[in-house]
Each structure stands twice: as C-alpha cells, then as structure tokens.
Amino acid sequence: MNRQFPLAGLLRVRQVEHDAAVSRLGRTTALRQATTDQRMRMAGGLAASGTDAVDAASLTAIAAARAAAGSMLAALDAREQEQRLEEERAAAEVRDAVRRARGIEKLETRHRDAVAAEELRLGQIELDEIAGRTGGDRS
C-alpha cells in the first residue's frame, strides 16, 4: 500500500483555501467594525452638537451642517449594511472551505489507518515466519 496519501496535494490546496477565506473574513470584519465605529462617532457628534443660533445666518449654517451630517450618516449606514452582507458572504466561504477540507481530511485519516493496519499485518507475518523458522516450540 502506498504510504503517502494520494490526495495530499488537494488537501494542501483546501487548507490554503480555508486560510484565505479566514483572512478575508478578518478583513471584512475589520472594515465593517471601522465603519460602525465611524458611524457611532458621527451619530454621537450629531447628537451633541448645539443649536445655539444667535441669528438667522448661524441658524441656516447649523441646519445645513446637520443636513450634511445626516446625509453622511445615511451613507455610512448604507456602507455598513453592504459590509455586513460582505462579512456574511465571507463567513459562508469559511464554512464552505471547512466543509470541503473536512471530507478530504476524513479520507486522509482512513488512509493513515489503513497504512497502519497494513504495517501491523506485515509485522505479524514477519513474526509468524520467524516463529515458524525457529520451530515455534519453546518447551
């Protein structure tokens, strides 16, 4: 029996795919978290901004600033939602990579067990031959 697992190359490919999927998930999670943090800071700043207008011009400026901040907040919300979807896709890729690798890993385990069983069988045959040559009689 061939001692080397015939699908070892494919198993390595599957492990590389898994590592790449995990890395991608980490990047998408970090991006989404950064966007969430930015949105939270902006929302906090918008809530904390004062409305102390002393004249019509400053009131107009405050209203314009709030409208712009609201638009930016909406854009951040949309970006965060897109990144959340991307993060979910990346997590699904990790699950798929694990599933694909698991099947080959099971085959590798079976192969390893079969090789070990064959080695034991051959060892037993050798022992039986040695016992047969020495007469096997130890009285």
C-alpha atoms as a PDB file:
ATOM      1  CA  MET A   1       0.000   0.000   0.000  1.00  0.00           C
ATOM      2  CA  ASN A   2       1.244   3.480  -0.835  1.00  0.00           C
ATOM      3  CA  ARG A   3       2.326   5.127   2.418  1.00  0.00           C
ATOM      4  CA  GLN A   4       1.804   8.637   1.064  1.00  0.00           C
ATOM      5  CA  PHE A   5      -1.748   9.944   0.957  1.00  0.00           C
ATOM      6  CA  PRO A   6      -2.617  10.278  -2.742  1.00  0.00           C
ATOM      7  CA  LEU A   7      -4.747  13.385  -2.184  1.00  0.00           C
ATOM      8  CA  ALA A   8      -2.156  15.235  -0.080  1.00  0.00           C
ATOM      9  CA  GLY A   9      -1.803  17.966  -2.709  1.00  0.00           C
ATOM     10  CA  LEU A  10      -5.535  18.535  -2.841  1.00  0.00           C
ATOM     11  CA  LEU A  11      -5.674  18.641   0.957  1.00  0.00           C
ATOM     12  CA  ARG A  12      -2.991  21.346   0.966  1.00  0.00           C
ATOM     13  CA  VAL A  13      -5.000  23.320  -1.597  1.00  0.00           C
ATOM     14  CA  ARG A  14      -8.105  23.029   0.575  1.00  0.00           C
ATOM     15  CA  GLN A  15      -6.154  24.209   3.617  1.00  0.00           C
ATOM     16  CA  VAL A  16      -4.832  27.207   1.673  1.00  0.00           C
ATOM     17  CA  GLU A  17      -8.391  27.991   0.552  1.00  0.00           C
ATOM     18  CA  HIS A  18      -9.532  27.820   4.170  1.00  0.00           C
ATOM     19  CA  ASP A  19      -6.725  30.115   5.315  1.00  0.00           C
ATOM     20  CA  ALA A  20      -7.573  32.606   2.553  1.00  0.00           C
ATOM     21  CA  ALA A  21     -11.263  32.537   3.495  1.00  0.00           C
ATOM     22  CA  VAL A  22     -10.439  33.135   7.172  1.00  0.00           C
ATOM     23  CA  SER A  23      -8.167  36.019   6.205  1.00  0.00           C
ATOM     24  CA  ARG A  24     -10.884  37.550   4.019  1.00  0.00           C
ATOM     25  CA  LEU A  25     -13.394  37.222   6.860  1.00  0.00           C
ATOM     26  CA  GLY A  26     -10.983  39.004   9.182  1.00  0.00           C
ATOM     27  CA  ARG A  27     -10.536  41.864   6.716  1.00  0.00           C
ATOM     28  CA  THR A  28     -14.262  42.276   6.078  1.00  0.00           C
ATOM     29  CA  THR A  29     -14.996  42.189   9.807  1.00  0.00           C
ATOM     30  CA  ALA A  30     -12.351  44.842  10.485  1.00  0.00           C
ATOM     31  CA  LEU A  31     -13.722  47.083   7.715  1.00  0.00           C
ATOM     32  CA  ARG A  32     -17.270  46.720   8.949  1.00  0.00           C
ATOM     33  CA  GLN A  33     -16.218  47.423  12.526  1.00  0.00           C
ATOM     34  CA  ALA A  34     -14.330  50.548  11.449  1.00  0.00           C
ATOM     35  CA  THR A  35     -17.418  51.788   9.607  1.00  0.00           C
ATOM     36  CA  THR A  36     -19.605  51.034  12.628  1.00  0.00           C
ATOM     37  CA  ASP A  37     -17.218  52.955  14.881  1.00  0.00           C
ATOM     38  CA  GLN A  38     -17.160  55.890  12.473  1.00  0.00           C
ATOM     39  CA  ARG A  39     -20.956  55.919  12.266  1.00  0.00           C
ATOM     40  CA  MET A  40     -21.247  55.806  16.063  1.00  0.00           C
ATOM     41  CA  ARG A  41     -18.819  58.710  16.457  1.00  0.00           C
ATOM     42  CA  MET A  42     -20.686  60.738  13.855  1.00  0.00           C
ATOM     43  CA  ALA A  43     -24.069  59.986  15.424  1.00  0.00           C
ATOM     44  CA  GLY A  44     -22.692  60.956  18.832  1.00  0.00           C
ATOM     45  CA  GLY A  45     -21.266  64.173  17.446  1.00  0.00           C
ATOM     46  CA  LEU A  46     -24.524  64.997  15.724  1.00  0.00           C
ATOM     47  CA  ALA A  47     -26.482  64.410  18.922  1.00  0.00           C
ATOM     48  CA  ALA A  48     -24.046  66.506  20.958  1.00  0.00           C
ATOM     49  CA  SER A  49     -23.933  69.421  18.551  1.00  0.00           C
ATOM     50  CA  GLY A  50     -25.510  72.540  19.923  1.00  0.00           C
ATOM     51  CA  THR A  51     -28.236  74.642  18.403  1.00  0.00           C
ATOM     52  CA  ASP A  52     -27.229  77.957  19.888  1.00  0.00           C
ATOM     53  CA  ALA A  53     -28.032  80.158  16.929  1.00  0.00           C
ATOM     54  CA  VAL A  54     -27.641  83.856  17.530  1.00  0.00           C
ATOM     55  CA  ASP A  55     -29.033  84.995  14.212  1.00  0.00           C
ATOM     56  CA  ALA A  56     -30.656  83.685  11.049  1.00  0.00           C
ATOM     57  CA  ALA A  57     -27.339  83.094   9.293  1.00  0.00           C
ATOM     58  CA  SER A  58     -25.990  80.897  12.081  1.00  0.00           C
ATOM     59  CA  LEU A  59     -29.309  79.024  12.230  1.00  0.00           C
ATOM     60  CA  THR A  60     -29.068  78.389   8.481  1.00  0.00           C
ATOM     61  CA  ALA A  61     -25.465  77.207   8.887  1.00  0.00           C
ATOM     62  CA  ILE A  62     -26.459  74.855  11.719  1.00  0.00           C
ATOM     63  CA  ALA A  63     -29.315  73.458   9.639  1.00  0.00           C
ATOM     64  CA  ALA A  64     -27.009  72.934   6.649  1.00  0.00           C
ATOM     65  CA  ALA A  65     -24.381  71.242   8.820  1.00  0.00           C
ATOM     66  CA  ARG A  66     -26.990  68.943  10.355  1.00  0.00           C
ATOM     67  CA  ALA A  67     -28.374  68.082   6.914  1.00  0.00           C
ATOM     68  CA  ALA A  68     -24.874  67.302   5.625  1.00  0.00           C
ATOM     69  CA  ALA A  69     -24.092  65.227   8.711  1.00  0.00           C
ATOM     70  CA  GLY A  70     -27.405  63.408   8.316  1.00  0.00           C
ATOM     71  CA  SER A  71     -26.552  62.606   4.694  1.00  0.00           C
ATOM     72  CA  MET A  72     -23.116  61.364   5.705  1.00  0.00           C
ATOM     73  CA  LEU A  73     -24.698  59.264   8.439  1.00  0.00           C
ATOM     74  CA  ALA A  74     -27.112  57.741   5.926  1.00  0.00           C
ATOM     75  CA  ALA A  75     -24.195  56.974   3.593  1.00  0.00           C
ATOM     76  CA  LEU A  76     -22.313  55.317   6.461  1.00  0.00           C
ATOM     77  CA  ASP A  77     -25.417  53.286   7.327  1.00  0.00           C
ATOM     78  CA  ALA A  78     -25.628  52.074   3.726  1.00  0.00           C
ATOM     79  CA  ARG A  79     -21.911  51.252   3.624  1.00  0.00           C
ATOM     80  CA  GLU A  80     -22.158  49.410   6.938  1.00  0.00           C
ATOM     81  CA  GLN A  81     -25.069  47.354   5.611  1.00  0.00           C
ATOM     82  CA  GLU A  82     -23.104  46.440   2.465  1.00  0.00           C
ATOM     83  CA  GLN A  83     -20.110  45.488   4.578  1.00  0.00           C
ATOM     84  CA  ARG A  84     -22.309  43.384   6.847  1.00  0.00           C
ATOM     85  CA  LEU A  85     -23.518  41.448   3.786  1.00  0.00           C
ATOM     86  CA  GLU A  86     -19.931  41.050   2.597  1.00  0.00           C
ATOM     87  CA  GLU A  87     -18.977  39.793   6.051  1.00  0.00           C
ATOM     88  CA  GLU A  88     -21.796  37.227   5.917  1.00  0.00           C
ATOM     89  CA  ARG A  89     -20.593  36.050   2.484  1.00  0.00           C
ATOM     90  CA  ALA A  90     -17.040  35.739   3.828  1.00  0.00           C
ATOM     91  CA  ALA A  91     -18.289  33.702   6.806  1.00  0.00           C
ATOM     92  CA  ALA A  92     -20.160  31.429   4.391  1.00  0.00           C
ATOM     93  CA  GLU A  93     -16.934  30.969   2.404  1.00  0.00           C
ATOM     94  CA  VAL A  94     -15.145  29.901   5.588  1.00  0.00           C
ATOM     95  CA  ARG A  95     -17.879  27.367   6.347  1.00  0.00           C
ATOM     96  CA  ASP A  96     -17.679  26.019   2.774  1.00  0.00           C
ATOM     97  CA  ALA A  97     -13.887  25.785   2.927  1.00  0.00           C
ATOM     98  CA  VAL A  98     -14.102  23.873   6.209  1.00  0.00           C
ATOM     99  CA  ARG A  99     -16.676  21.507   4.725  1.00  0.00           C
ATOM    100  CA  ARG A 100     -14.562  20.855   1.603  1.00  0.00           C
ATOM    101  CA  ALA A 101     -11.408  20.236   3.636  1.00  0.00           C
ATOM    102  CA  ARG A 102     -13.186  18.031   6.178  1.00  0.00           C
ATOM    103  CA  GLY A 103     -14.094  15.409   3.572  1.00  0.00           C
ATOM    104  CA  ILE A 104     -10.507  15.110   2.392  1.00  0.00           C
ATOM    105  CA  GLU A 105      -9.220  15.086   5.976  1.00  0.00           C
ATOM    106  CA  LYS A 106     -11.508  12.132   6.702  1.00  0.00           C
ATOM    107  CA  LEU A 107     -10.104  10.325   3.668  1.00  0.00           C
ATOM    108  CA  GLU A 108      -6.581  11.072   4.903  1.00  0.00           C
ATOM    109  CA  THR A 109      -7.431   9.614   8.329  1.00  0.00           C
ATOM    110  CA  ARG A 110      -8.830   6.463   6.719  1.00  0.00           C
ATOM    111  CA  HIS A 111      -5.723   6.176   4.554  1.00  0.00           C
ATOM    112  CA  ARG A 112      -3.437   6.602   7.581  1.00  0.00           C
ATOM    113  CA  ASP A 113      -5.420   3.949   9.476  1.00  0.00           C
ATOM    114  CA  ALA A 114      -5.228   1.578   6.506  1.00  0.00           C
ATOM    115  CA  VAL A 115      -1.454   2.090   6.215  1.00  0.00           C
ATOM    116  CA  ALA A 116      -1.034   1.418   9.944  1.00  0.00           C
ATOM    117  CA  ALA A 117      -3.181  -1.717   9.708  1.00  0.00           C
ATOM    118  CA  GLU A 118      -1.143  -2.932   6.735  1.00  0.00           C
ATOM    119  CA  GLU A 119       2.106  -2.335   8.635  1.00  0.00           C
ATOM    120  CA  LEU A 120       0.760  -4.296  11.594  1.00  0.00           C
ATOM    121  CA  ARG A 121      -0.336  -7.106   9.290  1.00  0.00           C
ATOM    122  CA  LEU A 122       3.083  -7.254   7.622  1.00  0.00           C
ATOM    123  CA  GLY A 123       4.794  -7.164  11.013  1.00  0.00           C
ATOM    124  CA  GLN A 124       2.649 -10.041  12.194  1.00  0.00           C
ATOM    125  CA  ILE A 125       3.502 -12.038   9.073  1.00  0.00           C
ATOM    126  CA  GLU A 126       7.208 -11.483   9.785  1.00  0.00           C
ATOM    127  CA  LEU A 127       6.763 -12.600  13.387  1.00  0.00           C
ATOM    128  CA  ASP A 128       4.876 -15.691  12.246  1.00  0.00           C
ATOM    129  CA  GLU A 129       7.657 -16.518   9.759  1.00  0.00           C
ATOM    130  CA  ILE A 130      10.330 -16.088  12.439  1.00  0.00           C
ATOM    131  CA  ALA A 131       8.349 -18.284  14.807  1.00  0.00           C
ATOM    132  CA  GLY A 132       7.974 -20.885  12.055  1.00  0.00           C
ATOM    133  CA  ARG A 133      11.724 -20.915  11.290  1.00  0.00           C
ATOM    134  CA  THR A 134      12.708 -21.381  14.901  1.00  0.00           C
ATOM    135  CA  GLY A 135      10.280 -24.201  15.212  1.00  0.00           C
ATOM    136  CA  GLY A 136       7.875 -22.292  17.316  1.00  0.00           C
ATOM    137  CA  ASP A 137       8.438 -24.908  20.017  1.00  0.00           C
ATOM    138  CA  ARG A 138       9.615 -23.399  23.267  1.00  0.00           C
ATOM    139  CA  SER A 139       9.230 -26.258  25.709  1.00  0.00           C
END
